[in-house]
Protein backbone atom coordinates (compact mmCIF):
# COMPACT_ATOMS: atom_id res chain seq x y z
CA UNK A 1 0.00 0.00 0.00
CA UNK A 2 1.40 3.37 -1.04
CA UNK A 3 1.83 5.82 1.84
CA UNK A 4 -0.20 9.01 1.49
CA UNK A 5 0.99 12.33 2.85
CA UNK A 6 -0.35 15.82 3.19
CA UNK A 7 0.58 18.31 0.49
CA UNK A 8 0.59 22.10 0.81
CA UNK A 9 -0.17 24.08 -2.35
CA UNK A 10 0.14 27.88 -2.46
CA UNK A 11 -2.75 29.56 -4.26
CA UNK A 12 -2.65 33.03 -5.81
CA UNK A 13 -3.66 34.54 -9.12
CA UNK A 14 -0.54 33.55 -11.03
CA UNK A 15 -0.64 30.98 -13.83
CA UNK A 16 1.97 28.86 -12.05
CA UNK A 17 -0.27 28.66 -8.98
CA UNK A 18 -3.20 27.64 -11.16
CA UNK A 19 -1.10 24.84 -12.62
CA UNK A 20 0.12 23.78 -9.17
CA UNK A 21 -3.46 23.69 -7.89
CA UNK A 22 -4.63 21.70 -10.92
CA UNK A 23 -1.86 19.16 -10.32
CA UNK A 24 -2.74 19.01 -6.63
CA UNK A 25 -6.40 18.39 -7.44
CA UNK A 26 -5.44 15.61 -9.84
CA UNK A 27 -3.23 14.07 -7.15
CA UNK A 28 -6.02 14.32 -4.59
CA UNK A 29 -8.48 12.58 -6.91
CA UNK A 30 -5.95 9.85 -7.67
CA UNK A 31 -5.22 9.28 -3.98
CA UNK A 32 -8.83 9.78 -2.84
CA UNK A 33 -7.68 12.68 -0.66
CA UNK A 34 -9.37 15.74 0.76
CA UNK A 35 -8.49 19.30 -0.23
CA UNK A 36 -8.81 22.09 2.32
CA UNK A 37 -8.11 25.76 1.79
CA UNK A 38 -6.87 26.74 5.22
CA UNK A 39 -5.92 30.34 4.57
CA UNK A 40 -7.47 32.64 2.00
CA UNK A 41 -7.48 36.43 1.93
CA UNK A 42 -9.22 38.59 -0.66
CA UNK A 43 -6.98 41.48 -1.60
CA UNK A 44 -7.16 44.48 -3.88
CA UNK A 45 -6.45 44.07 -7.62
CA UNK A 46 -2.84 45.07 -6.92
CA UNK A 47 -2.58 42.32 -4.28
CA UNK A 48 -4.72 39.41 -5.49
CA UNK A 49 -6.25 36.70 -3.34
CA UNK A 50 -3.96 34.00 -2.06
CA UNK A 51 -4.10 31.02 0.23
CA UNK A 52 -2.84 27.56 0.98
CA UNK A 53 -4.60 24.36 -0.03
CA UNK A 54 -3.87 21.36 2.17
CA UNK A 55 -4.33 17.97 0.57
CA UNK A 56 -4.36 15.00 2.90
CA UNK A 57 -5.60 11.42 2.85
CA UNK A 58 -9.26 10.73 3.58
CA UNK A 59 -9.94 9.21 6.96
CA UNK A 60 -12.14 6.23 6.31
CA UNK A 61 -14.95 5.42 8.72
CA UNK A 62 -15.06 1.87 10.02
């Protein structure tokens, strides 16, 4: 069984962040993981929104 781990993904309005988030979402789907945005702040147009997405394994109920 492959070990799952939490992954932190920075989110802002840059194209590289969009790509990082898209990859993180794909990884989460593949690993059946949850995605949580734990920090998000809406800024002015000069300072766009940013945050951190935390991807971690699902806790299965027994």
